[in-house]
């Protein structure tokens, strides 16, 4: 009987451990400003320079006033186009705490002082959610012999993401992971095909003249990382790049989210260069190549080769 109970217990514990395995995915996007030199996110003209940093939930931007008079960003004549193509007013985050409704706020503008910077975040004005957070604490008064409780309430806001940025997927066997990888890659490809319309429009007032600007951002590269329950860190497994029409390129497991490709151990022998793979530890021989990247013939990991 004890053996039977013990077997049931082991089965339950094993089932729990087995079912708790998850593979986590992170999907990152790199964009560029359409028409910009060298595919950057920078715009410059005679009156201002703007550096953009598109993100999955909106756009950070830094406007530099290059002239000796103030410029004005007219929010009521500015707009935000989501990656899906839907447009709305662009969010002015400066009025978040004072306006009861972002969408109904009218006739406001931001001054960009002469020779100064104006750094802000914006997104669709419809993409904002408000929530309250509260914190309570008690104070005991020795004089009054009483306890007073105080509560501080803060109103906060957040914006939702426009692009698929990854997920956690449970698995029961590591043989399922290639299938899950393909599922995530297909979701990323769908974003590229269907959500590549991110844009923003600014109306800038320079003295008595209003200038309308339209900035469109196109996806340049998508990188996909994963980490299983047994992995110590995320590794890049796929890269989708516009330069090769977003063809699916599987990558070796040695490319880390935080640390670049590792340099393997290598030695020169009479019959070529002997390399010890950074991932699986197996040796393989190279002839002719003394510098560059090469994939391990056993595990396909990327190895950076240099003359030892």
C-alpha atoms as a PDB file:
ATOM      1  CA  UNK A   1       0.000   0.000   0.000  1.00  0.00           C
ATOM      2  CA  UNK A   2       2.816   2.398   0.909  1.00  0.00           C
ATOM      3  CA  UNK A   3       4.495   1.706  -2.425  1.00  0.00           C
ATOM      4  CA  UNK A   4       1.243   2.443  -4.230  1.00  0.00           C
ATOM      5  CA  UNK A   5       0.768   5.745  -2.353  1.00  0.00           C
ATOM      6  CA  UNK A   6       4.398   6.665  -2.998  1.00  0.00           C
ATOM      7  CA  UNK A   7       3.978   5.922  -6.713  1.00  0.00           C
ATOM      8  CA  UNK A   8       0.869   8.130  -6.863  1.00  0.00           C
ATOM      9  CA  UNK A   9       2.761  10.926  -5.087  1.00  0.00           C
ATOM     10  CA  UNK A  10       5.703  10.684  -7.475  1.00  0.00           C
ATOM     11  CA  UNK A  11       3.311  10.684 -10.428  1.00  0.00           C
ATOM     12  CA  UNK A  12       1.562  13.846  -9.173  1.00  0.00           C
ATOM     13  CA  UNK A  13       4.829  15.678  -8.504  1.00  0.00           C
ATOM     14  CA  UNK A  14       6.288  14.603 -11.850  1.00  0.00           C
ATOM     15  CA  UNK A  15       3.117  15.683 -13.637  1.00  0.00           C
ATOM     16  CA  UNK A  16       3.269  19.086 -11.970  1.00  0.00           C
ATOM     17  CA  UNK A  17       6.922  19.622 -12.889  1.00  0.00           C
ATOM     18  CA  UNK A  18       6.342  18.332 -16.389  1.00  0.00           C
ATOM     19  CA  UNK A  19       3.339  20.577 -16.990  1.00  0.00           C
ATOM     20  CA  UNK A  20       5.022  23.660 -15.494  1.00  0.00           C
ATOM     21  CA  UNK A  21       7.691  23.828 -18.216  1.00  0.00           C
ATOM     22  CA  UNK A  22       7.362  26.952 -20.302  1.00  0.00           C
ATOM     23  CA  UNK A  23       9.267  28.546 -23.129  1.00  0.00           C
ATOM     24  CA  UNK A  24       9.340  32.345 -23.045  1.00  0.00           C
ATOM     25  CA  UNK A  25       9.589  34.428 -26.212  1.00  0.00           C
ATOM     26  CA  UNK A  26      10.648  38.031 -26.736  1.00  0.00           C
ATOM     27  CA  UNK A  27      10.078  39.701 -30.112  1.00  0.00           C
ATOM     28  CA  UNK A  28      11.875  43.005 -30.813  1.00  0.00           C
ATOM     29  CA  UNK A  29      11.347  45.431 -33.690  1.00  0.00           C
ATOM     30  CA  UNK A  30      13.760  47.860 -35.345  1.00  0.00           C
ATOM     31  CA  UNK A  31      12.352  50.587 -37.571  1.00  0.00           C
ATOM     32  CA  UNK A  32      13.599  53.408 -39.772  1.00  0.00           C
ATOM     33  CA  UNK A  33      12.125  56.710 -40.926  1.00  0.00           C
ATOM     34  CA  UNK A  34      10.985  56.428 -44.524  1.00  0.00           C
ATOM     35  CA  UNK A  35      13.171  58.572 -46.772  1.00  0.00           C
ATOM     36  CA  UNK A  36      15.865  59.115 -44.125  1.00  0.00           C
ATOM     37  CA  UNK A  37      19.548  58.808 -45.060  1.00  0.00           C
ATOM     38  CA  UNK A  38      21.121  55.513 -44.007  1.00  0.00           C
ATOM     39  CA  UNK A  39      17.707  54.295 -42.795  1.00  0.00           C
ATOM     40  CA  UNK A  40      17.912  56.123 -39.470  1.00  0.00           C
ATOM     41  CA  UNK A  41      15.171  57.505 -37.234  1.00  0.00           C
ATOM     42  CA  UNK A  42      16.422  61.079 -37.523  1.00  0.00           C
ATOM     43  CA  UNK A  43      14.859  64.025 -39.347  1.00  0.00           C
ATOM     44  CA  UNK A  44      16.492  67.412 -39.866  1.00  0.00           C
ATOM     45  CA  UNK A  45      15.568  70.605 -41.705  1.00  0.00           C
ATOM     46  CA  UNK A  46      16.297  74.314 -41.362  1.00  0.00           C
ATOM     47  CA  UNK A  47      14.289  74.875 -38.174  1.00  0.00           C
ATOM     48  CA  UNK A  48      14.517  71.653 -36.170  1.00  0.00           C
ATOM     49  CA  UNK A  49      16.025  68.208 -35.738  1.00  0.00           C
ATOM     50  CA  UNK A  50      13.972  65.273 -34.450  1.00  0.00           C
ATOM     51  CA  UNK A  51      15.237  61.948 -33.156  1.00  0.00           C
ATOM     52  CA  UNK A  52      12.531  59.292 -32.979  1.00  0.00           C
ATOM     53  CA  UNK A  53      12.545  56.052 -30.995  1.00  0.00           C
ATOM     54  CA  UNK A  54       9.530  53.954 -32.067  1.00  0.00           C
ATOM     55  CA  UNK A  55       8.436  51.376 -29.500  1.00  0.00           C
ATOM     56  CA  UNK A  56       5.735  48.684 -29.454  1.00  0.00           C
ATOM     57  CA  UNK A  57       3.425  50.992 -27.459  1.00  0.00           C
ATOM     58  CA  UNK A  58       4.204  54.389 -29.009  1.00  0.00           C
ATOM     59  CA  UNK A  59       7.027  56.751 -29.990  1.00  0.00           C
ATOM     60  CA  UNK A  60       9.607  58.599 -27.902  1.00  0.00           C
ATOM     61  CA  UNK A  61      10.851  61.728 -29.666  1.00  0.00           C
ATOM     62  CA  UNK A  62      13.284  64.574 -29.085  1.00  0.00           C
ATOM     63  CA  UNK A  63      12.701  67.834 -31.007  1.00  0.00           C
ATOM     64  CA  UNK A  64      15.653  70.219 -31.099  1.00  0.00           C
ATOM     65  CA  UNK A  65      14.817  73.823 -31.971  1.00  0.00           C
ATOM     66  CA  UNK A  66      17.590  75.052 -34.305  1.00  0.00           C
ATOM     67  CA  UNK A  67      16.418  78.667 -34.647  1.00  0.00           C
ATOM     68  CA  UNK A  68      16.483  81.757 -32.421  1.00  0.00           C
ATOM     69  CA  UNK A  69      12.723  82.012 -31.972  1.00  0.00           C
ATOM     70  CA  UNK A  70      10.299  79.708 -30.200  1.00  0.00           C
ATOM     71  CA  UNK A  71       8.532  76.960 -32.116  1.00  0.00           C
ATOM     72  CA  UNK A  72       5.148  75.526 -31.182  1.00  0.00           C
ATOM     73  CA  UNK A  73       3.860  71.969 -31.570  1.00  0.00           C
ATOM     74  CA  UNK A  74       0.128  72.240 -32.235  1.00  0.00           C
ATOM     75  CA  UNK A  75      -1.333  69.069 -30.785  1.00  0.00           C
ATOM     76  CA  UNK A  76      -4.849  69.729 -32.047  1.00  0.00           C
ATOM     77  CA  UNK A  77      -3.539  69.479 -35.612  1.00  0.00           C
ATOM     78  CA  UNK A  78      -1.252  66.504 -35.004  1.00  0.00           C
ATOM     79  CA  UNK A  79      -2.128  62.839 -35.404  1.00  0.00           C
ATOM     80  CA  UNK A  80      -0.904  59.320 -34.711  1.00  0.00           C
ATOM     81  CA  UNK A  81      -1.314  56.383 -37.123  1.00  0.00           C
ATOM     82  CA  UNK A  82      -1.139  52.989 -35.463  1.00  0.00           C
ATOM     83  CA  UNK A  83       0.748  50.129 -37.173  1.00  0.00           C
ATOM     84  CA  UNK A  84      -2.646  48.723 -38.186  1.00  0.00           C
ATOM     85  CA  UNK A  85      -3.359  51.930 -40.123  1.00  0.00           C
ATOM     86  CA  UNK A  86      -5.988  53.381 -37.755  1.00  0.00           C
ATOM     87  CA  UNK A  87      -5.505  57.091 -37.020  1.00  0.00           C
ATOM     88  CA  UNK A  88      -6.422  59.346 -34.103  1.00  0.00           C
ATOM     89  CA  UNK A  89      -5.188  62.376 -32.236  1.00  0.00           C
ATOM     90  CA  UNK A  90      -1.617  62.171 -30.998  1.00  0.00           C
ATOM     91  CA  UNK A  91      -1.335  62.030 -27.224  1.00  0.00           C
ATOM     92  CA  UNK A  92       0.044  65.066 -25.424  1.00  0.00           C
ATOM     93  CA  UNK A  93       1.285  63.501 -22.201  1.00  0.00           C
ATOM     94  CA  UNK A  94       1.592  66.900 -20.506  1.00  0.00           C
ATOM     95  CA  UNK A  95      -2.190  67.135 -20.094  1.00  0.00           C
ATOM     96  CA  UNK A  96      -2.697  63.617 -18.734  1.00  0.00           C
ATOM     97  CA  UNK A  97      -2.993  64.720 -15.130  1.00  0.00           C
ATOM     98  CA  UNK A  98      -5.215  67.742 -15.731  1.00  0.00           C
ATOM     99  CA  UNK A  99      -7.525  66.676 -18.558  1.00  0.00           C
ATOM    100  CA  UNK A 100     -10.543  64.526 -17.782  1.00  0.00           C
ATOM    101  CA  UNK A 101     -10.650  63.267 -21.355  1.00  0.00           C
ATOM    102  CA  UNK A 102      -7.693  63.195 -23.729  1.00  0.00           C
ATOM    103  CA  UNK A 103      -9.838  62.932 -26.824  1.00  0.00           C
ATOM    104  CA  UNK A 104     -11.990  65.960 -25.950  1.00  0.00           C
ATOM    105  CA  UNK A 105      -9.124  68.269 -25.088  1.00  0.00           C
ATOM    106  CA  UNK A 106      -8.826  71.013 -27.721  1.00  0.00           C
ATOM    107  CA  UNK A 107      -6.717  74.032 -28.670  1.00  0.00           C
ATOM    108  CA  UNK A 108      -3.530  73.217 -26.836  1.00  0.00           C
ATOM    109  CA  UNK A 109       0.065  73.461 -27.964  1.00  0.00           C
ATOM    110  CA  UNK A 110       3.559  72.930 -26.569  1.00  0.00           C
ATOM    111  CA  UNK A 111       6.277  75.525 -26.750  1.00  0.00           C
ATOM    112  CA  UNK A 112       9.712  74.439 -27.990  1.00  0.00           C
ATOM    113  CA  UNK A 113      12.055  77.182 -26.728  1.00  0.00           C
ATOM    114  CA  UNK A 114      14.752  78.580 -28.954  1.00  0.00           C
ATOM    115  CA  UNK A 115      17.908  76.442 -29.103  1.00  0.00           C
ATOM    116  CA  UNK A 116      16.334  73.960 -26.680  1.00  0.00           C
ATOM    117  CA  UNK A 117      15.083  70.345 -26.694  1.00  0.00           C
ATOM    118  CA  UNK A 118      11.535  69.041 -26.272  1.00  0.00           C
ATOM    119  CA  UNK A 119      11.521  65.347 -25.258  1.00  0.00           C
ATOM    120  CA  UNK A 120       8.240  63.490 -24.939  1.00  0.00           C
ATOM    121  CA  UNK A 121       6.379  60.247 -25.528  1.00  0.00           C
ATOM    122  CA  UNK A 122       3.296  59.991 -27.714  1.00  0.00           C
ATOM    123  CA  UNK A 123       0.877  57.367 -28.961  1.00  0.00           C
ATOM    124  CA  UNK A 124      -2.743  57.214 -30.054  1.00  0.00           C
ATOM    125  CA  UNK A 125      -4.935  59.219 -27.678  1.00  0.00           C
ATOM    126  CA  UNK A 126      -7.304  56.221 -27.722  1.00  0.00           C
ATOM    127  CA  UNK A 127      -4.576  53.892 -26.471  1.00  0.00           C
ATOM    128  CA  UNK A 128      -4.497  55.187 -22.900  1.00  0.00           C
ATOM    129  CA  UNK A 129      -5.777  53.377 -19.832  1.00  0.00           C
ATOM    130  CA  UNK A 130      -6.023  54.990 -16.401  1.00  0.00           C
ATOM    131  CA  UNK A 131      -5.780  53.212 -13.084  1.00  0.00           C
ATOM    132  CA  UNK A 132      -5.457  54.162  -9.436  1.00  0.00           C
ATOM    133  CA  UNK A 133      -2.917  52.894  -6.954  1.00  0.00           C
ATOM    134  CA  UNK A 134      -3.208  53.492  -3.233  1.00  0.00           C
ATOM    135  CA  UNK A 135      -0.947  53.098  -0.232  1.00  0.00           C
ATOM    136  CA  UNK A 136      -2.073  53.175   3.370  1.00  0.00           C
ATOM    137  CA  UNK A 137      -0.035  53.703   6.518  1.00  0.00           C
ATOM    138  CA  UNK A 138      -0.861  54.170  10.210  1.00  0.00           C
ATOM    139  CA  UNK A 139       0.556  56.555  12.778  1.00  0.00           C
ATOM    140  CA  UNK A 140       0.242  56.125  16.533  1.00  0.00           C
ATOM    141  CA  UNK A 141      -0.002  59.318  18.591  1.00  0.00           C
ATOM    142  CA  UNK A 142       1.371  58.939  22.101  1.00  0.00           C
ATOM    143  CA  UNK A 143      -0.162  62.268  23.057  1.00  0.00           C
ATOM    144  CA  UNK A 144      -3.677  61.419  21.888  1.00  0.00           C
ATOM    145  CA  UNK A 145      -3.362  57.694  22.549  1.00  0.00           C
ATOM    146  CA  UNK A 146      -4.871  56.971  19.154  1.00  0.00           C
ATOM    147  CA  UNK A 147      -3.994  55.473  15.811  1.00  0.00           C
ATOM    148  CA  UNK A 148      -4.628  57.447  12.631  1.00  0.00           C
ATOM    149  CA  UNK A 149      -4.643  55.762   9.230  1.00  0.00           C
ATOM    150  CA  UNK A 150      -3.775  57.701   6.052  1.00  0.00           C
ATOM    151  CA  UNK A 151      -4.277  56.641   2.462  1.00  0.00           C
ATOM    152  CA  UNK A 152      -2.468  58.124  -0.527  1.00  0.00           C
ATOM    153  CA  UNK A 153      -4.058  57.556  -3.926  1.00  0.00           C
ATOM    154  CA  UNK A 154      -2.141  58.054  -7.167  1.00  0.00           C
ATOM    155  CA  UNK A 155      -3.650  58.185 -10.617  1.00  0.00           C
ATOM    156  CA  UNK A 156      -1.477  56.493 -13.232  1.00  0.00           C
ATOM    157  CA  UNK A 157      -1.742  55.679 -16.919  1.00  0.00           C
ATOM    158  CA  UNK A 158      -0.379  53.143 -19.355  1.00  0.00           C
ATOM    159  CA  UNK A 159      -0.493  52.494 -23.096  1.00  0.00           C
ATOM    160  CA  UNK A 160      -1.102  49.142 -24.759  1.00  0.00           C
ATOM    161  CA  UNK A 161       1.290  47.575 -27.264  1.00  0.00           C
ATOM    162  CA  UNK A 162       0.551  47.643 -30.996  1.00  0.00           C
ATOM    163  CA  UNK A 163       2.868  44.814 -32.051  1.00  0.00           C
ATOM    164  CA  UNK A 164       3.180  41.222 -30.894  1.00  0.00           C
ATOM    165  CA  UNK A 165       6.090  41.226 -28.426  1.00  0.00           C
ATOM    166  CA  UNK A 166       6.169  37.574 -27.349  1.00  0.00           C
ATOM    167  CA  UNK A 167       4.543  35.291 -24.819  1.00  0.00           C
ATOM    168  CA  UNK A 168       5.043  32.366 -22.434  1.00  0.00           C
ATOM    169  CA  UNK A 169       3.946  29.005 -23.851  1.00  0.00           C
ATOM    170  CA  UNK A 170       3.770  25.789 -21.781  1.00  0.00           C
ATOM    171  CA  UNK A 171       5.172  22.592 -23.248  1.00  0.00           C
ATOM    172  CA  UNK A 172       5.310  18.990 -22.142  1.00  0.00           C
ATOM    173  CA  UNK A 173       8.269  17.853 -24.253  1.00  0.00           C
ATOM    174  CA  UNK A 174      11.223  19.689 -25.764  1.00  0.00           C
ATOM    175  CA  UNK A 175      10.318  18.087 -29.076  1.00  0.00           C
ATOM    176  CA  UNK A 176       7.419  20.578 -29.171  1.00  0.00           C
ATOM    177  CA  UNK A 177       9.695  23.635 -29.095  1.00  0.00           C
ATOM    178  CA  UNK A 178      10.460  23.760 -32.864  1.00  0.00           C
ATOM    179  CA  UNK A 179       6.705  23.822 -33.508  1.00  0.00           C
ATOM    180  CA  UNK A 180       6.259  26.620 -30.950  1.00  0.00           C
ATOM    181  CA  UNK A 181       9.171  28.510 -32.516  1.00  0.00           C
ATOM    182  CA  UNK A 182       7.447  28.365 -35.903  1.00  0.00           C
ATOM    183  CA  UNK A 183       4.207  29.577 -34.349  1.00  0.00           C
ATOM    184  CA  UNK A 184       5.935  32.658 -32.927  1.00  0.00           C
ATOM    185  CA  UNK A 185       7.776  33.338 -36.198  1.00  0.00           C
ATOM    186  CA  UNK A 186       4.492  33.230 -38.114  1.00  0.00           C
ATOM    187  CA  UNK A 187       2.953  35.714 -35.677  1.00  0.00           C
ATOM    188  CA  UNK A 188       5.909  38.059 -36.222  1.00  0.00           C
ATOM    189  CA  UNK A 189       5.589  37.710 -40.005  1.00  0.00           C
ATOM    190  CA  UNK A 190       1.905  38.581 -39.738  1.00  0.00           C
ATOM    191  CA  UNK A 191       2.801  41.778 -37.875  1.00  0.00           C
ATOM    192  CA  UNK A 192       5.267  42.716 -40.623  1.00  0.00           C
ATOM    193  CA  UNK A 193       2.698  42.087 -43.352  1.00  0.00           C
ATOM    194  CA  UNK A 194      -0.329  43.627 -41.655  1.00  0.00           C
ATOM    195  CA  UNK A 195       1.030  46.199 -39.186  1.00  0.00           C
ATOM    196  CA  UNK A 196       3.722  48.165 -40.996  1.00  0.00           C
ATOM    197  CA  UNK A 197       1.918  51.523 -41.141  1.00  0.00           C
ATOM    198  CA  UNK A 198       3.259  53.312 -38.049  1.00  0.00           C
ATOM    199  CA  UNK A 199       3.312  57.077 -38.645  1.00  0.00           C
ATOM    200  CA  UNK A 200       2.945  60.388 -36.883  1.00  0.00           C
ATOM    201  CA  UNK A 201       1.986  63.862 -38.081  1.00  0.00           C
ATOM    202  CA  UNK A 202       3.156  67.057 -36.404  1.00  0.00           C
ATOM    203  CA  UNK A 203       2.016  70.613 -37.128  1.00  0.00           C
ATOM    204  CA  UNK A 204       4.748  73.056 -36.142  1.00  0.00           C
ATOM    205  CA  UNK A 205       4.200  76.818 -35.879  1.00  0.00           C
ATOM    206  CA  UNK A 206       7.221  78.932 -36.758  1.00  0.00           C
ATOM    207  CA  UNK A 207       6.364  82.590 -36.154  1.00  0.00           C
ATOM    208  CA  UNK A 208       3.185  83.125 -38.220  1.00  0.00           C
ATOM    209  CA  UNK A 209       3.611  80.075 -40.431  1.00  0.00           C
ATOM    210  CA  UNK A 210       2.239  76.590 -39.755  1.00  0.00           C
ATOM    211  CA  UNK A 211       4.182  73.658 -41.260  1.00  0.00           C
ATOM    212  CA  UNK A 212       2.705  70.168 -41.539  1.00  0.00           C
ATOM    213  CA  UNK A 213       5.065  67.184 -41.210  1.00  0.00           C
ATOM    214  CA  UNK A 214       4.345  63.511 -41.858  1.00  0.00           C
ATOM    215  CA  UNK A 215       6.748  60.831 -40.581  1.00  0.00           C
ATOM    216  CA  UNK A 216       6.298  57.171 -41.485  1.00  0.00           C
ATOM    217  CA  UNK A 217       8.271  54.368 -39.842  1.00  0.00           C
ATOM    218  CA  UNK A 218       8.878  51.059 -41.571  1.00  0.00           C
ATOM    219  CA  UNK A 219      10.001  47.810 -39.955  1.00  0.00           C
ATOM    220  CA  UNK A 220      13.627  47.097 -40.750  1.00  0.00           C
ATOM    221  CA  UNK A 221      14.397  44.070 -38.613  1.00  0.00           C
ATOM    222  CA  UNK A 222      12.605  41.704 -36.254  1.00  0.00           C
ATOM    223  CA  UNK A 223      14.540  39.547 -33.793  1.00  0.00           C
ATOM    224  CA  UNK A 224      13.064  36.629 -31.894  1.00  0.00           C
ATOM    225  CA  UNK A 225      14.546  35.309 -28.648  1.00  0.00           C
ATOM    226  CA  UNK A 226      13.487  32.408 -26.488  1.00  0.00           C
ATOM    227  CA  UNK A 227      14.344  30.850 -23.152  1.00  0.00           C
ATOM    228  CA  UNK A 228      13.188  27.523 -21.788  1.00  0.00           C
ATOM    229  CA  UNK A 229      12.893  26.661 -18.121  1.00  0.00           C
ATOM    230  CA  UNK A 230      16.388  25.139 -18.201  1.00  0.00           C
ATOM    231  CA  UNK A 231      18.089  28.067 -19.986  1.00  0.00           C
ATOM    232  CA  UNK A 232      20.068  30.639 -18.041  1.00  0.00           C
ATOM    233  CA  UNK A 233      19.361  33.478 -20.498  1.00  0.00           C
ATOM    234  CA  UNK A 234      17.471  34.405 -23.629  1.00  0.00           C
ATOM    235  CA  UNK A 235      19.049  33.475 -26.940  1.00  0.00           C
ATOM    236  CA  UNK A 236      18.272  34.767 -30.407  1.00  0.00           C
ATOM    237  CA  UNK A 237      16.772  32.042 -32.561  1.00  0.00           C
ATOM    238  CA  UNK A 238      15.457  33.938 -35.600  1.00  0.00           C
ATOM    239  CA  UNK A 239      16.063  37.172 -37.440  1.00  0.00           C
ATOM    240  CA  UNK A 240      13.730  38.687 -40.033  1.00  0.00           C
ATOM    241  CA  UNK A 241      15.363  41.443 -42.094  1.00  0.00           C
ATOM    242  CA  UNK A 242      13.929  43.642 -44.845  1.00  0.00           C
ATOM    243  CA  UNK A 243      17.218  43.398 -46.794  1.00  0.00           C
ATOM    244  CA  UNK A 244      16.369  39.776 -47.648  1.00  0.00           C
ATOM    245  CA  UNK A 245      12.589  40.313 -47.853  1.00  0.00           C
ATOM    246  CA  UNK A 246      12.101  39.061 -44.282  1.00  0.00           C
ATOM    247  CA  UNK A 247      13.200  35.549 -45.145  1.00  0.00           C
ATOM    248  CA  UNK A 248      13.250  33.347 -42.047  1.00  0.00           C
ATOM    249  CA  UNK A 249      16.866  32.939 -40.883  1.00  0.00           C
ATOM    250  CA  UNK A 250      17.387  30.502 -37.982  1.00  0.00           C
ATOM    251  CA  UNK A 251      20.319  31.449 -35.785  1.00  0.00           C
ATOM    252  CA  UNK A 252      22.661  29.511 -33.546  1.00  0.00           C
ATOM    253  CA  UNK A 253      22.108  29.326 -29.823  1.00  0.00           C
ATOM    254  CA  UNK A 254      25.244  31.302 -28.972  1.00  0.00           C
ATOM    255  CA  UNK A 255      23.690  34.685 -29.758  1.00  0.00           C
ATOM    256  CA  UNK A 256      22.545  36.111 -26.435  1.00  0.00           C
ATOM    257  CA  UNK A 257      20.076  38.913 -25.735  1.00  0.00           C
ATOM    258  CA  UNK A 258      22.673  40.629 -23.579  1.00  0.00           C
ATOM    259  CA  UNK A 259      25.998  39.215 -24.652  1.00  0.00           C
ATOM    260  CA  UNK A 260      27.098  38.944 -28.283  1.00  0.00           C
ATOM    261  CA  UNK A 261      28.390  35.826 -30.029  1.00  0.00           C
ATOM    262  CA  UNK A 262      31.180  34.132 -28.084  1.00  0.00           C
ATOM    263  CA  UNK A 263      34.650  33.451 -29.460  1.00  0.00           C
ATOM    264  CA  UNK A 264      35.418  29.717 -29.404  1.00  0.00           C
ATOM    265  CA  UNK A 265      38.655  28.007 -28.505  1.00  0.00           C
ATOM    266  CA  UNK A 266      40.753  27.384 -31.599  1.00  0.00           C
ATOM    267  CA  UNK A 267      44.177  26.100 -32.563  1.00  0.00           C
ATOM    268  CA  UNK A 268      46.136  25.747 -35.767  1.00  0.00           C
ATOM    269  CA  UNK A 269      47.263  22.307 -36.894  1.00  0.00           C
ATOM    270  CA  UNK A 270      48.914  21.145 -40.089  1.00  0.00           C
ATOM    271  CA  UNK A 271      45.609  20.123 -41.654  1.00  0.00           C
ATOM    272  CA  UNK A 272      43.680  23.325 -40.810  1.00  0.00           C
ATOM    273  CA  UNK A 273      42.080  25.297 -37.978  1.00  0.00           C
ATOM    274  CA  UNK A 274      40.557  23.223 -35.165  1.00  0.00           C
ATOM    275  CA  UNK A 275      37.613  24.941 -33.463  1.00  0.00           C
ATOM    276  CA  UNK A 276      35.883  23.971 -30.206  1.00  0.00           C
ATOM    277  CA  UNK A 277      32.230  25.007 -30.419  1.00  0.00           C
ATOM    278  CA  UNK A 278      31.095  27.507 -27.768  1.00  0.00           C
ATOM    279  CA  UNK A 279      27.745  25.739 -27.409  1.00  0.00           C
ATOM    280  CA  UNK A 280      28.169  21.970 -27.612  1.00  0.00           C
ATOM    281  CA  UNK A 281      31.940  21.766 -26.944  1.00  0.00           C
ATOM    282  CA  UNK A 282      32.641  19.527 -29.924  1.00  0.00           C
ATOM    283  CA  UNK A 283      35.639  20.100 -32.173  1.00  0.00           C
ATOM    284  CA  UNK A 284      35.413  20.627 -35.910  1.00  0.00           C
ATOM    285  CA  UNK A 285      37.960  21.497 -38.573  1.00  0.00           C
ATOM    286  CA  UNK A 286      38.094  24.511 -40.890  1.00  0.00           C
ATOM    287  CA  UNK A 287      40.258  24.907 -43.951  1.00  0.00           C
ATOM    288  CA  UNK A 288      40.728  28.264 -45.620  1.00  0.00           C
ATOM    289  CA  UNK A 289      38.645  30.365 -43.177  1.00  0.00           C
ATOM    290  CA  UNK A 290      40.650  32.177 -40.497  1.00  0.00           C
ATOM    291  CA  UNK A 291      38.268  35.027 -39.602  1.00  0.00           C
ATOM    292  CA  UNK A 292      34.506  35.523 -39.540  1.00  0.00           C
ATOM    293  CA  UNK A 293      31.363  33.665 -38.446  1.00  0.00           C
ATOM    294  CA  UNK A 294      30.789  29.964 -38.918  1.00  0.00           C
ATOM    295  CA  UNK A 295      28.041  27.595 -37.791  1.00  0.00           C
ATOM    296  CA  UNK A 296      28.917  24.472 -35.845  1.00  0.00           C
ATOM    297  CA  UNK A 297      28.228  21.379 -37.997  1.00  0.00           C
ATOM    298  CA  UNK A 298      26.883  19.548 -34.934  1.00  0.00           C
ATOM    299  CA  UNK A 299      24.532  22.052 -33.220  1.00  0.00           C
ATOM    300  CA  UNK A 300      24.432  24.969 -35.711  1.00  0.00           C
ATOM    301  CA  UNK A 301      25.639  27.459 -33.069  1.00  0.00           C
ATOM    302  CA  UNK A 302      27.334  30.631 -34.332  1.00  0.00           C
ATOM    303  CA  UNK A 303      31.086  30.781 -33.625  1.00  0.00           C
ATOM    304  CA  UNK A 304      33.223  33.872 -34.143  1.00  0.00           C
ATOM    305  CA  UNK A 305      36.479  32.798 -35.754  1.00  0.00           C
ATOM    306  CA  UNK A 306      39.672  34.825 -35.477  1.00  0.00           C
ATOM    307  CA  UNK A 307      43.341  33.979 -35.861  1.00  0.00           C
ATOM    308  CA  UNK A 308      44.421  32.580 -32.459  1.00  0.00           C
END
